[in-house]
Each structure stands twice: as C-alpha cells, then as structure tokens.
C-alpha cells in the first residue's frame, strides 16, 4: 500500500447513508443504493491508501473518510466530439456581422 504524507492533496470516500436509511419517498432505483460522498482536501496525518483518515478541505471543513486517491484530478468531460459545434462560432459571427 502506498504511504501518503500529511499535507498531501487527496480524495476520500464515505458512505453517508446505507440504502435502508434513505428516505422512503425516493425513486426505487435510488433507494437501492447507499448515498456516497467523495471529498478532496489536505491530509491531516500520515496514512496509507484505504485507511480511515481526516482531511481539511479548501473551505477549512474537517471531514473523515476512506483514503482513495492521491493528487486527484478532474475526470469529467463534455462528451464525444461533435463536428457541427466547430462551426457554431464562425457561423454566428457571420450572422451577427450581416445583421449590423
């Protein structure tokens, strides 16, 4: 297991509510899974991946959870390439210019 030093930027994971603790008025597929939370912040003490740790977030909130990642990055995108989107800016400029 990887050793991580205090002060390292990390991500933790925590189960907030088990599926049987969730509100009764939720959709069935939502009620079947636990409510989970992932939080990024600075490690408050030396630890190993997989251990329960405490971190301090960028907003100074102290949170506990399982250490899951070191130096986490953003993993979202805006979907697959859409060729039509390349032309929008150019076409819009032409429309606006002709409208002047």
PDB file of N, CA and C in Angstrom:
ATOM      1  N   UNK A   1       0.829  -1.207   0.000  1.00  0.00           N
ATOM      2  CA  UNK A   1       0.000   0.000   0.000  1.00  0.00           C
ATOM      3  C   UNK A   1       0.865   1.258   0.000  1.00  0.00           C
ATOM      4  N   UNK A   2       0.377   2.238  -0.685  1.00  0.00           N
ATOM      5  CA  UNK A   2       1.120   3.491  -0.817  1.00  0.00           C
ATOM      6  C   UNK A   2       1.034   4.315   0.462  1.00  0.00           C
ATOM      7  N   UNK A   3       2.182   4.802   0.923  1.00  0.00           N
ATOM      8  CA  UNK A   3       2.259   5.675   2.095  1.00  0.00           C
ATOM      9  C   UNK A   3       2.058   7.112   1.634  1.00  0.00           C
ATOM     10  N   UNK A   4       1.223   7.851   2.335  1.00  0.00           N
ATOM     11  CA  UNK A   4       0.907   9.227   1.957  1.00  0.00           C
ATOM     12  C   UNK A   4       1.224  10.151   3.128  1.00  0.00           C
ATOM     13  N   UNK A   5       1.975  11.213   2.857  1.00  0.00           N
ATOM     14  CA  UNK A   5       2.397  12.135   3.914  1.00  0.00           C
ATOM     15  C   UNK A   5       1.336  13.187   4.232  1.00  0.00           C
ATOM     16  N   UNK A   6       1.338  13.601   5.472  1.00  0.00           N
ATOM     17  CA  UNK A   6       0.478  14.685   5.940  1.00  0.00           C
ATOM     18  C   UNK A   6       0.648  15.890   5.023  1.00  0.00           C
ATOM     19  N   UNK A   7      -0.462  16.576   4.716  1.00  0.00           N
ATOM     20  CA  UNK A   7      -0.414  17.772   3.874  1.00  0.00           C
ATOM     21  C   UNK A   7      -0.599  17.493   2.398  1.00  0.00           C
ATOM     22  N   UNK A   8      -0.607  16.216   2.000  1.00  0.00           N
ATOM     23  CA  UNK A   8      -0.797  15.859   0.597  1.00  0.00           C
ATOM     24  C   UNK A   8      -2.262  16.073   0.211  1.00  0.00           C
ATOM     25  N   UNK A   9      -2.481  16.545  -1.009  1.00  0.00           N
ATOM     26  CA  UNK A   9      -3.839  16.726  -1.528  1.00  0.00           C
ATOM     27  C   UNK A   9      -4.385  15.350  -1.906  1.00  0.00           C
ATOM     28  N   UNK A  10      -5.538  14.984  -1.352  1.00  0.00           N
ATOM     29  CA  UNK A  10      -6.084  13.645  -1.520  1.00  0.00           C
ATOM     30  C   UNK A  10      -7.595  13.685  -1.718  1.00  0.00           C
ATOM     31  N   UNK A  11      -8.156  12.509  -2.008  1.00  0.00           N
ATOM     32  CA  UNK A  11      -9.608  12.354  -2.075  1.00  0.00           C
ATOM     33  C   UNK A  11     -10.014  11.227  -1.138  1.00  0.00           C
ATOM     34  N   UNK A  12     -11.118  11.455  -0.411  1.00  0.00           N
ATOM     35  CA  UNK A  12     -11.652  10.435   0.473  1.00  0.00           C
ATOM     36  C   UNK A  12     -13.050  10.040   0.014  1.00  0.00           C
ATOM     37  N   UNK A  13     -13.503   8.905   0.516  1.00  0.00           N
ATOM     38  CA  UNK A  13     -14.837   8.394   0.192  1.00  0.00           C
ATOM     39  C   UNK A  13     -15.523   8.032   1.496  1.00  0.00           C
ATOM     40  N   UNK A  14     -16.834   8.280   1.539  1.00  0.00           N
ATOM     41  CA  UNK A  14     -17.593   7.971   2.748  1.00  0.00           C
ATOM     42  C   UNK A  14     -19.013   7.564   2.350  1.00  0.00           C
ATOM     43  N   UNK A  15     -19.543   6.554   3.023  1.00  0.00           N
ATOM     44  CA  UNK A  15     -20.954   6.204   2.867  1.00  0.00           C
ATOM     45  C   UNK A  15     -21.712   7.082   3.862  1.00  0.00           C
ATOM     46  N   UNK A  16     -22.569   7.953   3.368  1.00  0.00           N
ATOM     47  CA  UNK A  16     -23.316   8.877   4.212  1.00  0.00           C
ATOM     48  C   UNK A  16     -24.538   8.171   4.801  1.00  0.00           C
ATOM     49  N   UNK A  17     -25.264   7.453   3.950  1.00  0.00           N
ATOM     50  CA  UNK A  17     -26.440   6.692   4.389  1.00  0.00           C
ATOM     51  C   UNK A  17     -26.449   5.341   3.681  1.00  0.00           C
ATOM     52  N   UNK A  18     -26.692   4.287   4.420  1.00  0.00           N
ATOM     53  CA  UNK A  18     -26.885   2.974   3.805  1.00  0.00           C
ATOM     54  C   UNK A  18     -28.231   2.987   3.091  1.00  0.00           C
ATOM     55  N   UNK A  19     -28.431   2.061   2.168  1.00  0.00           N
ATOM     56  CA  UNK A  19     -29.666   2.062   1.378  1.00  0.00           C
ATOM     57  C   UNK A  19     -30.919   1.973   2.245  1.00  0.00           C
ATOM     58  N   UNK A  20     -30.861   1.216   3.351  1.00  0.00           N
ATOM     59  CA  UNK A  20     -32.040   1.088   4.215  1.00  0.00           C
ATOM     60  C   UNK A  20     -32.289   2.316   5.089  1.00  0.00           C
ATOM     61  N   UNK A  21     -31.370   3.278   5.079  1.00  0.00           N
ATOM     62  CA  UNK A  21     -31.518   4.504   5.867  1.00  0.00           C
ATOM     63  C   UNK A  21     -32.033   5.677   5.022  1.00  0.00           C
ATOM     64  N   UNK A  22     -32.182   5.456   3.725  1.00  0.00           N
ATOM     65  CA  UNK A  22     -32.569   6.544   2.825  1.00  0.00           C
ATOM     66  C   UNK A  22     -34.056   6.842   2.922  1.00  0.00           C
ATOM     67  N   UNK A  23     -34.440   8.029   2.517  1.00  0.00           N
ATOM     68  CA  UNK A  23     -35.838   8.485   2.601  1.00  0.00           C
ATOM     69  C   UNK A  23     -36.763   7.580   1.798  1.00  0.00           C
ATOM     70  N   UNK A  24     -37.952   7.369   2.325  1.00  0.00           N
ATOM     71  CA  UNK A  24     -38.923   6.468   1.702  1.00  0.00           C
ATOM     72  C   UNK A  24     -39.483   7.012   0.395  1.00  0.00           C
ATOM     73  N   UNK A  25     -39.465   8.329   0.208  1.00  0.00           N
ATOM     74  CA  UNK A  25     -40.077   8.919  -0.983  1.00  0.00           C
ATOM     75  C   UNK A  25     -39.143   8.992  -2.194  1.00  0.00           C
ATOM     76  N   UNK A  26     -37.976   8.378  -2.118  1.00  0.00           N
ATOM     77  CA  UNK A  26     -37.047   8.367  -3.249  1.00  0.00           C
ATOM     78  C   UNK A  26     -37.495   7.361  -4.297  1.00  0.00           C
ATOM     79  N   UNK A  27     -37.102   7.547  -5.559  1.00  0.00           N
ATOM     80  CA  UNK A  27     -37.380   6.539  -6.581  1.00  0.00           C
ATOM     81  C   UNK A  27     -36.750   5.195  -6.175  1.00  0.00           C
ATOM     82  N   UNK A  28     -37.358   4.094  -6.573  1.00  0.00           N
ATOM     83  CA  UNK A  28     -36.902   2.764  -6.160  1.00  0.00           C
ATOM     84  C   UNK A  28     -35.438   2.500  -6.494  1.00  0.00           C
ATOM     85  N   UNK A  29     -34.998   2.863  -7.703  1.00  0.00           N
ATOM     86  CA  UNK A  29     -33.608   2.585  -8.074  1.00  0.00           C
ATOM     87  C   UNK A  29     -32.626   3.405  -7.233  1.00  0.00           C
ATOM     88  N   UNK A  30     -33.030   4.578  -6.784  1.00  0.00           N
ATOM     89  CA  UNK A  30     -32.187   5.407  -5.919  1.00  0.00           C
ATOM     90  C   UNK A  30     -32.122   4.834  -4.506  1.00  0.00           C
ATOM     91  N   UNK A  31     -33.254   4.369  -3.993  1.00  0.00           N
ATOM     92  CA  UNK A  31     -33.307   3.814  -2.635  1.00  0.00           C
ATOM     93  C   UNK A  31     -32.463   2.547  -2.486  1.00  0.00           C
ATOM     94  N   UNK A  32     -32.200   1.856  -3.590  1.00  0.00           N
ATOM     95  CA  UNK A  32     -31.479   0.583  -3.531  1.00  0.00           C
ATOM     96  C   UNK A  32     -29.976   0.743  -3.292  1.00  0.00           C
ATOM     97  N   UNK A  33     -29.452   1.926  -3.466  1.00  0.00           N
ATOM     98  CA  UNK A  33     -28.003   2.137  -3.331  1.00  0.00           C
ATOM     99  C   UNK A  33     -27.713   3.111  -2.189  1.00  0.00           C
ATOM    100  N   UNK A  34     -26.546   2.992  -1.563  1.00  0.00           N
ATOM    101  CA  UNK A  34     -26.209   3.926  -0.495  1.00  0.00           C
ATOM    102  C   UNK A  34     -25.933   5.324  -1.043  1.00  0.00           C
ATOM    103  N   UNK A  35     -26.081   6.316  -0.175  1.00  0.00           N
ATOM    104  CA  UNK A  35     -25.710   7.690  -0.514  1.00  0.00           C
ATOM    105  C   UNK A  35     -24.223   7.826  -0.215  1.00  0.00           C
ATOM    106  N   UNK A  36     -23.439   8.139  -1.242  1.00  0.00           N
ATOM    107  CA  UNK A  36     -21.990   8.196  -1.106  1.00  0.00           C
ATOM    108  C   UNK A  36     -21.485   9.619  -1.274  1.00  0.00           C
ATOM    109  N   UNK A  37     -20.305   9.879  -0.702  1.00  0.00           N
ATOM    110  CA  UNK A  37     -19.700  11.200  -0.793  1.00  0.00           C
ATOM    111  C   UNK A  37     -18.204  11.041  -1.073  1.00  0.00           C
ATOM    112  N   UNK A  38     -17.707  11.836  -1.994  1.00  0.00           N
ATOM    113  CA  UNK A  38     -16.278  11.914  -2.262  1.00  0.00           C
ATOM    114  C   UNK A  38     -15.870  13.354  -2.004  1.00  0.00           C
ATOM    115  N   UNK A  39     -14.786  13.543  -1.259  1.00  0.00           N
ATOM    116  CA  UNK A  39     -14.347  14.888  -0.879  1.00  0.00           C
ATOM    117  C   UNK A  39     -12.834  14.983  -1.089  1.00  0.00           C
ATOM    118  N   UNK A  40     -12.378  16.138  -1.575  1.00  0.00           N
ATOM    119  CA  UNK A  40     -10.949  16.389  -1.770  1.00  0.00           C
ATOM    120  C   UNK A  40     -10.471  17.375  -0.717  1.00  0.00           C
ATOM    121  N   UNK A  41      -9.226  17.197  -0.285  1.00  0.00           N
ATOM    122  CA  UNK A  41      -8.650  18.102   0.697  1.00  0.00           C
ATOM    123  C   UNK A  41      -7.239  17.677   1.058  1.00  0.00           C
ATOM    124  N   UNK A  42      -6.709  18.296   2.104  1.00  0.00           N
ATOM    125  CA  UNK A  42      -5.340  18.035   2.531  1.00  0.00           C
ATOM    126  C   UNK A  42      -5.337  17.083   3.723  1.00  0.00           C
ATOM    127  N   UNK A  43      -4.517  16.058   3.611  1.00  0.00           N
ATOM    128  CA  UNK A  43      -4.424  15.013   4.619  1.00  0.00           C
ATOM    129  C   UNK A  43      -3.898  15.589   5.938  1.00  0.00           C
ATOM    130  N   UNK A  44      -4.588  15.286   7.047  1.00  0.00           N
ATOM    131  CA  UNK A  44      -4.216  15.831   8.356  1.00  0.00           C
ATOM    132  C   UNK A  44      -3.167  15.004   9.093  1.00  0.00           C
ATOM    133  N   UNK A  45      -2.869  13.804   8.598  1.00  0.00           N
ATOM    134  CA  UNK A  45      -1.853  12.950   9.230  1.00  0.00           C
ATOM    135  C   UNK A  45      -1.353  11.945   8.205  1.00  0.00           C
ATOM    136  N   UNK A  46      -0.154  11.410   8.408  1.00  0.00           N
ATOM    137  CA  UNK A  46       0.370  10.371   7.522  1.00  0.00           C
ATOM    138  C   UNK A  46      -0.590   9.186   7.507  1.00  0.00           C
ATOM    139  N   UNK A  47      -0.723   8.533   6.351  1.00  0.00           N
ATOM    140  CA  UNK A  47      -1.651   7.402   6.242  1.00  0.00           C
ATOM    141  C   UNK A  47      -1.286   6.552   5.033  1.00  0.00           C
ATOM    142  N   UNK A  48      -2.003   5.448   4.896  1.00  0.00           N
ATOM    143  CA  UNK A  48      -1.884   4.579   3.725  1.00  0.00           C
ATOM    144  C   UNK A  48      -3.209   4.571   2.994  1.00  0.00           C
ATOM    145  N   UNK A  49      -3.148   4.356   1.669  1.00  0.00           N
ATOM    146  CA  UNK A  49      -4.375   4.244   0.887  1.00  0.00           C
ATOM    147  C   UNK A  49      -5.265   3.178   1.502  1.00  0.00           C
ATOM    148  N   UNK A  50      -6.557   3.456   1.558  1.00  0.00           N
ATOM    149  CA  UNK A  50      -7.511   2.514   2.124  1.00  0.00           C
ATOM    150  C   UNK A  50      -7.800   2.728   3.595  1.00  0.00           C
ATOM    151  N   UNK A  51      -6.972   3.515   4.270  1.00  0.00           N
ATOM    152  CA  UNK A  51      -7.188   3.771   5.696  1.00  0.00           C
ATOM    153  C   UNK A  51      -8.234   4.864   5.908  1.00  0.00           C
ATOM    154  N   UNK A  52      -8.860   4.840   7.077  1.00  0.00           N
ATOM    155  CA  UNK A  52      -9.768   5.903   7.501  1.00  0.00           C
ATOM    156  C   UNK A  52      -8.899   7.090   7.899  1.00  0.00           C
ATOM    157  N   UNK A  53      -9.177   8.262   7.320  1.00  0.00           N
ATOM    158  CA  UNK A  53      -8.343   9.440   7.554  1.00  0.00           C
ATOM    159  C   UNK A  53      -9.207  10.664   7.801  1.00  0.00           C
ATOM    160  N   UNK A  54      -8.540  11.736   8.158  1.00  0.00           N
ATOM    161  CA  UNK A  54      -9.182  13.036   8.329  1.00  0.00           C
ATOM    162  C   UNK A  54      -8.481  14.007   7.395  1.00  0.00           C
ATOM    163  N   UNK A  55      -9.282  14.811   6.683  1.00  0.00           N
ATOM    164  CA  UNK A  55      -8.724  15.817   5.785  1.00  0.00           C
ATOM    165  C   UNK A  55      -9.310  17.179   6.111  1.00  0.00           C
ATOM    166  N   UNK A  56      -8.636  18.215   5.633  1.00  0.00           N
ATOM    167  CA  UNK A  56      -9.157  19.569   5.711  1.00  0.00           C
ATOM    168  C   UNK A  56      -9.369  20.046   4.284  1.00  0.00           C
ATOM    169  N   UNK A  57     -10.604  20.458   3.974  1.00  0.00           N
ATOM    170  CA  UNK A  57     -10.946  20.881   2.618  1.00  0.00           C
ATOM    171  C   UNK A  57     -10.453  22.300   2.355  1.00  0.00           C
ATOM    172  N   UNK A  58     -10.602  22.737   1.123  1.00  0.00           N
ATOM    173  CA  UNK A  58     -10.205  24.101   0.765  1.00  0.00           C
ATOM    174  C   UNK A  58     -11.051  25.148   1.475  1.00  0.00           C
ATOM    175  N   UNK A  59     -12.223  24.751   1.976  1.00  0.00           N
ATOM    176  CA  UNK A  59     -13.076  25.675   2.727  1.00  0.00           C
ATOM    177  C   UNK A  59     -12.900  25.498   4.231  1.00  0.00           C
ATOM    178  N   UNK A  60     -11.821  24.821   4.637  1.00  0.00           N
ATOM    179  CA  UNK A  60     -11.444  24.606   6.043  1.00  0.00           C
ATOM    180  C   UNK A  60     -12.378  23.667   6.802  1.00  0.00           C
ATOM    181  N   UNK A  61     -13.161  22.877   6.073  1.00  0.00           N
ATOM    182  CA  UNK A  61     -14.023  21.887   6.720  1.00  0.00           C
ATOM    183  C   UNK A  61     -13.194  20.632   6.986  1.00  0.00           C
ATOM    184  N   UNK A  62     -13.347  20.021   8.157  1.00  0.00           N
ATOM    185  CA  UNK A  62     -12.630  18.792   8.502  1.00  0.00           C
ATOM    186  C   UNK A  62     -13.591  17.624   8.281  1.00  0.00           C
ATOM    187  N   UNK A  63     -13.154  16.656   7.467  1.00  0.00           N
ATOM    188  CA  UNK A  63     -14.008  15.538   7.076  1.00  0.00           C
ATOM    189  C   UNK A  63     -13.236  14.233   7.226  1.00  0.00           C
ATOM    190  N   UNK A  64     -13.951  13.166   7.627  1.00  0.00           N
ATOM    191  CA  UNK A  64     -13.346  11.840   7.758  1.00  0.00           C
ATOM    192  C   UNK A  64     -13.873  10.928   6.657  1.00  0.00           C
ATOM    193  N   UNK A  65     -13.027  10.003   6.217  1.00  0.00           N
ATOM    194  CA  UNK A  65     -13.432   9.027   5.219  1.00  0.00           C
ATOM    195  C   UNK A  65     -12.271   8.128   4.857  1.00  0.00           C
ATOM    196  N   UNK A  66     -12.512   7.220   3.942  1.00  0.00           N
ATOM    197  CA  UNK A  66     -11.501   6.269   3.485  1.00  0.00           C
ATOM    198  C   UNK A  66     -10.643   6.932   2.413  1.00  0.00           C
ATOM    199  N   UNK A  67      -9.336   6.895   2.587  1.00  0.00           N
ATOM    200  CA  UNK A  67      -8.397   7.494   1.640  1.00  0.00           C
ATOM    201  C   UNK A  67      -8.391   6.664   0.361  1.00  0.00           C
ATOM    202  N   UNK A  68      -8.805   7.288  -0.764  1.00  0.00           N
ATOM    203  CA  UNK A  68      -8.933   6.541  -2.013  1.00  0.00           C
ATOM    204  C   UNK A  68      -8.021   7.022  -3.140  1.00  0.00           C
ATOM    205  N   UNK A  69      -7.521   8.267  -3.072  1.00  0.00           N
ATOM    206  CA  UNK A  69      -6.698   8.754  -4.176  1.00  0.00           C
ATOM    207  C   UNK A  69      -5.769   9.868  -3.726  1.00  0.00           C
ATOM    208  N   UNK A  70      -4.568   9.866  -4.295  1.00  0.00           N
ATOM    209  CA  UNK A  70      -3.570  10.903  -4.025  1.00  0.00           C
ATOM    210  C   UNK A  70      -3.501  11.829  -5.229  1.00  0.00           C
ATOM    211  N   UNK A  71      -3.460  13.129  -4.984  1.00  0.00           N
ATOM    212  CA  UNK A  71      -3.430  14.141  -6.049  1.00  0.00           C
ATOM    213  C   UNK A  71      -4.517  13.883  -7.087  1.00  0.00           C
ATOM    214  N   UNK A  72      -5.773  13.862  -6.660  1.00  0.00           N
ATOM    215  CA  UNK A  72      -6.871  13.546  -7.583  1.00  0.00           C
ATOM    216  C   UNK A  72      -7.031  14.610  -8.658  1.00  0.00           C
ATOM    217  N   UNK A  73      -7.454  14.157  -9.819  1.00  0.00           N
ATOM    218  CA  UNK A  73      -7.702  15.099 -10.913  1.00  0.00           C
ATOM    219  C   UNK A  73      -9.190  15.065 -11.263  1.00  0.00           C
ATOM    220  N   UNK A  74      -9.608  16.014 -12.058  1.00  0.00           N
ATOM    221  CA  UNK A  74     -10.991  16.029 -12.524  1.00  0.00           C
ATOM    222  C   UNK A  74     -11.114  15.042 -13.668  1.00  0.00           C
ATOM    223  N   UNK A  75     -12.196  14.266 -13.668  1.00  0.00           N
ATOM    224  CA  UNK A  75     -12.360  13.219 -14.673  1.00  0.00           C
ATOM    225  C   UNK A  75     -13.628  13.396 -15.493  1.00  0.00           C
ATOM    226  N   UNK A  76     -14.164  14.602 -15.553  1.00  0.00           N
ATOM    227  CA  UNK A  76     -15.359  14.829 -16.351  1.00  0.00           C
ATOM    228  C   UNK A  76     -14.963  15.377 -17.721  1.00  0.00           C
ATOM    229  N   UNK A  77     -15.875  15.276 -18.642  1.00  0.00           N
ATOM    230  CA  UNK A  77     -15.672  15.891 -19.950  1.00  0.00           C
ATOM    231  C   UNK A  77     -17.030  16.347 -20.475  1.00  0.00           C
ATOM    232  N   UNK A  78     -17.054  16.817 -21.673  1.00  0.00           N
ATOM    233  CA  UNK A  78     -18.288  17.325 -22.244  1.00  0.00           C
ATOM    234  C   UNK A  78     -18.813  16.421 -23.350  1.00  0.00           C
ATOM    235  N   UNK A  79     -18.449  15.144 -23.287  1.00  0.00           N
ATOM    236  CA  UNK A  79     -18.952  14.176 -24.249  1.00  0.00           C
ATOM    237  C   UNK A  79     -18.061  14.026 -25.458  1.00  0.00           C
ATOM    238  N   UNK A  80     -18.550  13.261 -26.411  1.00  0.00           N
ATOM    239  CA  UNK A  80     -17.798  12.982 -27.631  1.00  0.00           C
ATOM    240  C   UNK A  80     -17.760  14.205 -28.540  1.00  0.00           C
ATOM    241  N   UNK A  81     -16.789  14.211 -29.425  1.00  0.00           N
ATOM    242  CA  UNK A  81     -16.605  15.289 -30.395  1.00  0.00           C
ATOM    243  C   UNK A  81     -17.829  15.404 -31.294  1.00  0.00           C
ATOM    244  N   UNK A  82     -18.310  16.628 -31.488  1.00  0.00           N
ATOM    245  CA  UNK A  82     -19.453  16.893 -32.369  1.00  0.00           C
ATOM    246  C   UNK A  82     -18.984  17.892 -33.416  1.00  0.00           C
ATOM    247  N   UNK A  83     -18.767  17.435 -34.655  1.00  0.00           N
ATOM    248  CA  UNK A  83     -18.207  18.311 -35.682  1.00  0.00           C
ATOM    249  C   UNK A  83     -19.018  19.587 -35.912  1.00  0.00           C
ATOM    250  N   UNK A  84     -20.326  19.508 -35.787  1.00  0.00           N
ATOM    251  CA  UNK A  84     -21.177  20.679 -36.020  1.00  0.00           C
ATOM    252  C   UNK A  84     -20.861  21.819 -35.056  1.00  0.00           C
ATOM    253  N   UNK A  85     -20.382  21.480 -33.855  1.00  0.00           N
ATOM    254  CA  UNK A  85     -20.083  22.517 -32.871  1.00  0.00           C
ATOM    255  C   UNK A  85     -18.885  23.376 -33.273  1.00  0.00           C
ATOM    256  N   UNK A  86     -17.998  22.838 -34.094  1.00  0.00           N
ATOM    257  CA  UNK A  86     -16.837  23.619 -34.548  1.00  0.00           C
ATOM    258  C   UNK A  86     -17.265  24.848 -35.343  1.00  0.00           C
ATOM    259  N   UNK A  87     -18.343  24.721 -36.083  1.00  0.00           N
ATOM    260  CA  UNK A  87     -18.774  25.791 -36.975  1.00  0.00           C
ATOM    261  C   UNK A  87     -19.644  26.834 -36.297  1.00  0.00           C
ATOM    262  N   UNK A  88     -20.154  26.558 -35.120  1.00  0.00           N
ATOM    263  CA  UNK A  88     -21.117  27.466 -34.493  1.00  0.00           C
ATOM    264  C   UNK A  88     -20.556  28.873 -34.318  1.00  0.00           C
ATOM    265  N   UNK A  89     -19.361  28.990 -33.751  1.00  0.00           N
ATOM    266  CA  UNK A  89     -18.773  30.317 -33.527  1.00  0.00           C
ATOM    267  C   UNK A  89     -18.599  31.083 -34.826  1.00  0.00           C
ATOM    268  N   UNK A  90     -18.059  30.421 -35.835  1.00  0.00           N
ATOM    269  CA  UNK A  90     -17.846  31.057 -37.141  1.00  0.00           C
ATOM    270  C   UNK A  90     -19.176  31.482 -37.756  1.00  0.00           C
ATOM    271  N   UNK A  91     -20.149  30.554 -37.773  1.00  0.00           N
ATOM    272  CA  UNK A  91     -21.459  30.862 -38.360  1.00  0.00           C
ATOM    273  C   UNK A  91     -22.154  31.997 -37.615  1.00  0.00           C
ATOM    274  N   UNK A  92     -22.065  31.993 -36.300  1.00  0.00           N
ATOM    275  CA  UNK A  92     -22.709  33.036 -35.501  1.00  0.00           C
ATOM    276  C   UNK A  92     -22.108  34.407 -35.803  1.00  0.00           C
ATOM    277  N   UNK A  93     -20.774  34.455 -35.941  1.00  0.00           N
ATOM    278  CA  UNK A  93     -20.134  35.725 -36.285  1.00  0.00           C
ATOM    279  C   UNK A  93     -20.639  36.254 -37.624  1.00  0.00           C
ATOM    280  N   UNK A  94     -20.789  35.353 -38.596  1.00  0.00           N
ATOM    281  CA  UNK A  94     -21.290  35.768 -39.917  1.00  0.00           C
ATOM    282  C   UNK A  94     -22.714  36.304 -39.802  1.00  0.00           C
ATOM    283  N   UNK A  95     -23.552  35.627 -39.035  1.00  0.00           N
ATOM    284  CA  UNK A  95     -24.937  36.071 -38.863  1.00  0.00           C
ATOM    285  C   UNK A  95     -24.979  37.441 -38.192  1.00  0.00           C
ATOM    286  N   UNK A  96     -24.196  37.615 -37.144  1.00  0.00           N
ATOM    287  CA  UNK A  96     -24.206  38.885 -36.415  1.00  0.00           C
ATOM    288  C   UNK A  96     -23.636  40.021 -37.266  1.00  0.00           C
ATOM    289  N   UNK A  97     -22.590  39.719 -38.022  1.00  0.00           N
ATOM    290  CA  UNK A  97     -21.997  40.733 -38.883  1.00  0.00           C
ATOM    291  C   UNK A  97     -22.989  41.194 -39.948  1.00  0.00           C
ATOM    292  N   UNK A  98     -23.694  40.245 -40.552  1.00  0.00           N
ATOM    293  CA  UNK A  98     -24.680  40.600 -41.574  1.00  0.00           C
ATOM    294  C   UNK A  98     -25.855  41.345 -40.967  1.00  0.00           C
ATOM    295  N   UNK A  99     -26.102  41.146 -39.682  1.00  0.00           N
ATOM    296  CA  UNK A  99     -27.234  41.811 -39.020  1.00  0.00           C
ATOM    297  C   UNK A  99     -26.931  43.238 -38.608  1.00  0.00           C
ATOM    298  N   UNK A 100     -25.673  43.669 -38.701  1.00  0.00           N
ATOM    299  CA  UNK A 100     -25.304  45.026 -38.283  1.00  0.00           C
ATOM    300  C   UNK A 100     -25.759  46.067 -39.279  1.00  0.00           C
TER     301      UNK A 100
END
